Amino acid sequence: MAVKILAENIWKTFQTAGGPIDAIKNFNLSVEEGKFVSIVGPSGCGKSTFLRILAGLVPATSGNLKIFPGKDLTKPLNSVVFQEYAIFPWRTVLDNVSFGPEMRGVGKKERRELALHWIDAVGLNKFIDCYPHQLSGGMKQRVSIARALANDPEVLLMDEPLGALDAQTRNVLQEELLKLWEATHKTVIYITHSIEEAVLLSDEVVLMTSHPGTNKINFDINIPRPRDLKITGTPEFARLTLVIWEVLRDEVIAAMEDQR
């Protein structure tokens, strides 16, 4: 498959009162079209910083970043789903999901049909006229996902989108994400602290070192698709999660020591 995202030697240095601090150093990533790639690493390793660089929300200090075919990275991508429910409290579910197409100048009838399609895809048909304060946390995150997909993004960027949810809701939305990916085959970059979640969802898991974050090792996840939560009970799933944890463990300990 053709390469969709290419990041080469990405550095990010923040200027602080105590002097410059490297958040990311010499990080590289190559993602093929239609792949679901998760980035896993210790807290503070720069995972979210890299995603924001990729989204065009913050600039890299140095390095090369390309999205193919050619994309103007001076303009933010409108395809990011954050852990915080980034939806407008004054808009209904329907109006939140149709916001992106509205900003792109899509006609009222077409953007309504588009929004209704993705609202149906995330199972919120009964709530199209509700406001965010009337929704549960899991429902708000479904709205965020539907809004991102309604933009028909080239790349879908997800920064721990299920991290704030309870375990049961998280399991339900993991299966929803699997179904949505099967339906769209979008190129996805997914940030998570959960090795189990990364193995369940991904074609590849990229491990980062402790701060400053750089490449540790990549794992191909060759568990057949389509998938559901049943695979979490298989020997291969257990083997992969254990192997990844054994590699990541030293980096987590190093990060904890660095914070003392």
Protein backbone atom coordinates (compact mmCIF):
# COMPACT_ATOMS: atom_id res chain seq x y z
CA MET A 1 0.00 0.00 0.00
CA ALA A 2 1.03 3.60 -0.56
CA VAL A 3 2.43 5.60 2.35
CA LYS A 4 -0.14 8.07 3.72
CA ILE A 5 1.83 9.68 6.56
CA LEU A 6 5.59 10.13 6.74
CA ALA A 7 7.26 11.76 9.74
CA GLU A 8 11.04 12.02 9.64
CA ASN A 9 13.31 13.09 12.50
CA ILE A 10 10.61 15.05 14.33
CA TRP A 11 11.87 17.16 17.24
CA LYS A 12 9.77 19.33 19.53
CA THR A 13 11.48 21.63 22.02
CA PHE A 14 9.55 23.81 24.43
CA GLN A 15 11.06 26.98 25.84
CA THR A 16 10.52 27.18 29.61
CA ALA A 17 11.65 29.45 32.41
CA GLY A 18 14.22 26.81 33.31
CA GLY A 19 15.52 26.54 29.77
CA PRO A 20 14.64 24.49 26.68
CA ILE A 21 13.05 21.05 27.19
CA ASP A 22 12.89 18.43 24.46
CA ALA A 23 9.48 16.74 24.42
CA ILE A 24 10.20 14.63 21.32
CA LYS A 25 13.54 13.83 19.74
CA ASN A 26 14.23 12.26 16.37
CA PHE A 27 10.84 10.53 16.12
CA ASN A 28 9.98 8.71 12.90
CA LEU A 29 6.74 7.22 11.67
CA SER A 30 5.52 5.78 8.36
CA VAL A 31 1.85 4.85 8.03
CA GLU A 32 0.31 3.16 5.01
CA GLU A 33 -3.03 4.21 3.53
CA GLY A 34 -5.97 2.66 5.39
CA LYS A 35 -3.97 1.42 8.38
CA PHE A 36 -4.99 1.75 12.01
CA VAL A 37 -1.84 2.61 13.99
CA SER A 38 -1.69 3.09 17.75
CA ILE A 39 1.09 4.95 19.55
CA VAL A 40 1.77 3.75 23.09
CA GLY A 41 4.29 5.03 25.60
CA PRO A 42 4.75 6.21 29.19
CA SER A 43 3.03 9.33 30.47
CA GLY A 44 4.86 12.45 29.32
CA CYS A 45 6.68 10.77 26.43
CA GLY A 46 5.26 13.15 23.81
CA LYS A 47 2.51 11.01 22.26
CA SER A 48 -0.11 13.73 22.35
CA THR A 49 2.42 16.38 21.35
CA PHE A 50 3.24 14.41 18.21
CA LEU A 51 -0.46 14.05 17.39
CA ARG A 52 -0.94 17.80 17.72
CA ILE A 53 2.03 18.38 15.42
CA LEU A 54 0.48 15.97 12.94
CA ALA A 55 -2.83 17.83 13.21
CA GLY A 56 -1.11 21.15 12.52
CA LEU A 57 -2.10 22.51 15.93
CA VAL A 58 1.50 23.06 17.06
CA PRO A 59 4.65 23.28 14.92
CA ALA A 60 7.55 20.85 15.08
CA THR A 61 10.87 22.42 16.05
CA SER A 62 12.57 20.46 13.27
CA GLY A 63 12.02 17.48 11.01
CA ASN A 64 9.89 16.66 7.99
CA LEU A 65 6.20 15.77 8.01
CA LYS A 66 4.22 14.76 4.94
CA ILE A 67 0.68 13.57 4.29
CA PHE A 68 0.14 12.11 0.83
CA PRO A 69 -1.09 13.23 -1.55
CA GLY A 70 0.32 16.69 -0.83
CA LYS A 71 -1.42 18.39 2.09
CA ASP A 72 -0.98 21.97 3.28
CA LEU A 73 0.14 21.40 6.86
CA THR A 74 0.01 25.09 7.66
CA LYS A 75 -3.73 24.59 8.14
CA PRO A 76 -5.00 22.36 10.98
CA LEU A 77 -6.67 19.08 10.04
CA ASN A 78 -10.30 18.97 11.11
CA SER A 79 -10.23 15.30 12.09
CA VAL A 80 -9.06 15.13 15.71
CA VAL A 81 -10.98 13.39 18.50
CA PHE A 82 -9.67 14.34 21.95
CA GLN A 83 -10.21 12.73 25.33
CA GLU A 84 -12.12 15.85 26.38
CA TYR A 85 -15.50 15.93 24.69
CA ALA A 86 -14.76 18.66 22.16
CA ILE A 87 -18.33 19.41 21.14
CA PHE A 88 -20.25 22.67 21.32
CA PRO A 89 -22.57 22.83 24.36
CA TRP A 90 -24.95 25.24 22.61
CA ARG A 91 -25.48 22.93 19.61
CA THR A 92 -27.66 19.83 19.38
CA VAL A 93 -26.21 16.47 18.38
CA LEU A 94 -27.36 17.06 14.80
CA ASP A 95 -25.86 20.55 14.67
CA ASN A 96 -22.59 19.41 16.23
CA VAL A 97 -22.11 16.63 13.70
CA SER A 98 -23.04 18.88 10.78
CA PHE A 99 -20.68 21.65 11.89
CA GLY A 100 -17.70 20.58 9.76
CA PRO A 101 -19.66 20.27 6.51
CA GLU A 102 -21.34 23.60 7.32
CA MET A 103 -17.93 25.29 7.63
CA ARG A 104 -16.92 23.76 4.27
CA GLY A 105 -19.96 25.30 2.60
CA VAL A 106 -21.94 22.09 2.12
CA GLY A 107 -25.62 22.79 1.45
CA LYS A 108 -28.15 22.46 4.27
CA LYS A 109 -29.92 19.37 2.90
CA GLU A 110 -26.70 17.54 2.06
CA ARG A 111 -25.01 18.26 5.36
CA ARG A 112 -28.13 17.15 7.26
CA GLU A 113 -28.14 13.85 5.37
CA LEU A 114 -24.43 13.45 6.01
CA ALA A 115 -24.83 14.18 9.72
CA LEU A 116 -27.76 11.78 10.03
CA HIS A 117 -25.72 9.04 8.37
CA TRP A 118 -22.91 9.30 10.92
CA ILE A 119 -25.28 9.77 13.86
CA ASP A 120 -26.90 6.52 12.82
CA ALA A 121 -23.47 4.88 12.49
CA VAL A 122 -22.66 5.67 16.14
CA GLY A 123 -26.13 4.69 17.36
CA LEU A 124 -27.55 8.05 18.44
CA ASN A 125 -30.64 8.38 16.26
CA LYS A 126 -32.90 8.99 19.25
CA PHE A 127 -30.78 11.88 20.47
CA ILE A 128 -30.35 14.10 17.41
CA ASP A 129 -32.16 17.02 19.07
CA CYS A 130 -30.42 16.68 22.45
CA TYR A 131 -27.77 19.02 23.79
CA PRO A 132 -24.45 17.78 25.24
CA HIS A 133 -25.55 18.35 28.87
CA GLN A 134 -28.33 15.82 28.25
CA LEU A 135 -25.89 13.09 27.19
CA SER A 136 -23.68 10.63 29.04
CA GLY A 137 -19.90 10.74 28.64
CA GLY A 138 -19.93 7.83 26.22
CA MET A 139 -22.64 9.47 24.12
CA LYS A 140 -20.70 12.73 23.98
CA GLN A 141 -17.68 10.87 22.69
CA ARG A 142 -19.82 9.18 20.04
CA VAL A 143 -20.87 12.65 18.91
CA SER A 144 -17.19 13.66 18.72
CA ILE A 145 -16.38 10.62 16.59
CA ALA A 146 -19.37 11.16 14.31
CA ARG A 147 -18.42 14.83 13.87
CA ALA A 148 -14.88 13.88 12.88
CA LEU A 149 -16.08 11.29 10.37
CA ALA A 150 -18.65 13.69 8.89
CA ASN A 151 -15.68 15.77 7.72
CA ASP A 152 -14.57 12.80 5.57
CA PRO A 153 -10.99 13.24 6.80
CA GLU A 154 -7.99 11.90 4.96
CA VAL A 155 -6.56 10.93 8.34
CA LEU A 156 -8.45 10.44 11.60
CA LEU A 157 -6.43 11.45 14.66
CA MET A 158 -7.58 10.19 18.06
CA ASP A 159 -5.96 11.28 21.32
CA GLU A 160 -7.04 8.84 24.05
CA PRO A 161 -10.67 9.25 23.00
CA LEU A 162 -11.93 6.58 25.41
CA GLY A 163 -9.58 7.30 28.31
CA ALA A 164 -12.13 9.12 30.47
CA LEU A 165 -14.88 6.52 30.14
CA ASP A 166 -15.88 3.74 32.51
CA ALA A 167 -14.78 0.21 31.57
CA GLN A 168 -18.16 -0.96 30.26
CA THR A 169 -18.73 2.09 28.07
CA ARG A 170 -15.16 1.87 26.85
CA ASN A 171 -15.71 -1.73 25.74
CA VAL A 172 -18.85 -0.78 23.83
CA LEU A 173 -17.10 2.08 22.03
CA GLN A 174 -14.08 -0.09 21.22
CA GLU A 175 -16.41 -2.39 19.31
CA GLU A 176 -18.06 0.63 17.67
CA LEU A 177 -14.64 1.85 16.51
CA LEU A 178 -13.86 -1.58 15.07
CA LYS A 179 -17.12 -1.51 13.10
CA LEU A 180 -16.59 2.06 11.91
CA TRP A 181 -13.06 1.28 10.74
CA GLU A 182 -14.30 -1.79 8.84
CA ALA A 183 -16.91 0.41 7.14
CA THR A 184 -14.55 3.25 6.21
CA HIS A 185 -10.95 1.93 6.26
CA LYS A 186 -9.78 5.40 7.24
CA THR A 187 -6.12 5.93 8.05
CA VAL A 188 -6.13 6.28 11.85
CA ILE A 189 -3.47 7.42 14.32
CA TYR A 190 -4.63 6.49 17.80
CA ILE A 191 -3.01 7.54 21.08
CA THR A 192 -3.64 5.30 24.09
CA HIS A 193 -2.08 4.20 27.37
CA SER A 194 -3.80 0.83 27.11
CA ILE A 195 -1.80 -1.97 25.47
CA GLU A 196 -4.93 -4.13 25.35
CA GLU A 197 -6.85 -1.41 23.51
CA ALA A 198 -3.99 -0.89 21.07
CA VAL A 199 -3.78 -4.60 20.24
CA LEU A 200 -7.55 -4.90 19.88
CA LEU A 201 -7.90 -1.99 17.45
CA SER A 202 -4.66 -1.74 15.53
CA ASP A 203 -2.74 -3.07 12.56
CA GLU A 204 0.47 -1.77 14.12
CA VAL A 205 1.51 -0.61 17.58
CA VAL A 206 4.30 1.95 17.83
CA LEU A 207 6.12 2.14 21.16
CA MET A 208 7.77 5.34 22.33
CA THR A 209 10.50 5.70 24.93
CA SER A 210 10.22 7.74 28.11
CA HIS A 211 10.77 11.50 27.94
CA PRO A 212 12.00 12.82 25.59
CA GLY A 213 10.03 10.47 23.39
CA THR A 214 11.54 8.69 20.44
CA ASN A 215 11.07 5.35 18.70
CA LYS A 216 11.42 2.20 20.83
CA ILE A 217 10.02 -0.58 18.63
CA ASN A 218 7.03 -1.32 16.39
CA PHE A 219 4.78 -4.38 16.57
CA ASP A 220 2.68 -5.71 13.68
CA ILE A 221 -0.70 -6.95 14.92
CA ASN A 222 -1.59 -9.82 12.62
CA ILE A 223 -4.81 -10.87 14.33
CA PRO A 224 -7.36 -11.40 11.53
CA ARG A 225 -10.11 -8.85 10.89
CA PRO A 226 -12.98 -8.26 11.36
CA ARG A 227 -12.49 -8.28 15.11
CA ASP A 228 -14.60 -7.94 18.22
CA LEU A 229 -14.00 -8.21 21.95
CA LYS A 230 -13.93 -12.01 21.76
CA ILE A 231 -10.33 -11.86 20.54
CA THR A 232 -9.27 -10.54 23.96
CA GLY A 233 -9.77 -14.07 25.27
CA THR A 234 -7.47 -15.71 22.72
CA PRO A 235 -3.92 -16.95 23.38
CA GLU A 236 -2.51 -14.75 20.60
CA PHE A 237 -4.02 -11.61 22.13
CA ALA A 238 -2.58 -12.51 25.54
CA ARG A 239 0.81 -13.24 24.00
CA LEU A 240 0.99 -9.93 22.14
CA THR A 241 -0.09 -7.81 25.08
CA LEU A 242 2.48 -9.51 27.32
CA VAL A 243 5.30 -9.15 24.78
CA ILE A 244 4.53 -5.44 24.30
CA TRP A 245 4.34 -4.85 28.05
CA GLU A 246 7.69 -6.56 28.64
CA VAL A 247 9.30 -4.16 26.15
CA LEU A 248 7.45 -1.10 27.48
CA ARG A 249 7.93 -1.83 31.18
CA ASP A 250 11.46 -0.41 31.43
CA GLU A 251 10.32 2.83 29.77
CA VAL A 252 7.43 3.20 32.22
CA ILE A 253 9.78 2.70 35.16
CA ALA A 254 12.23 5.19 33.68
CA ALA A 255 9.44 7.75 33.31
CA MET A 256 8.40 7.26 36.94
CA GLU A 257 11.98 7.67 38.12
CA ASP A 258 12.34 10.85 36.06
CA GLN A 259 9.32 12.36 37.82
CA ARG A 260 10.74 11.91 41.32
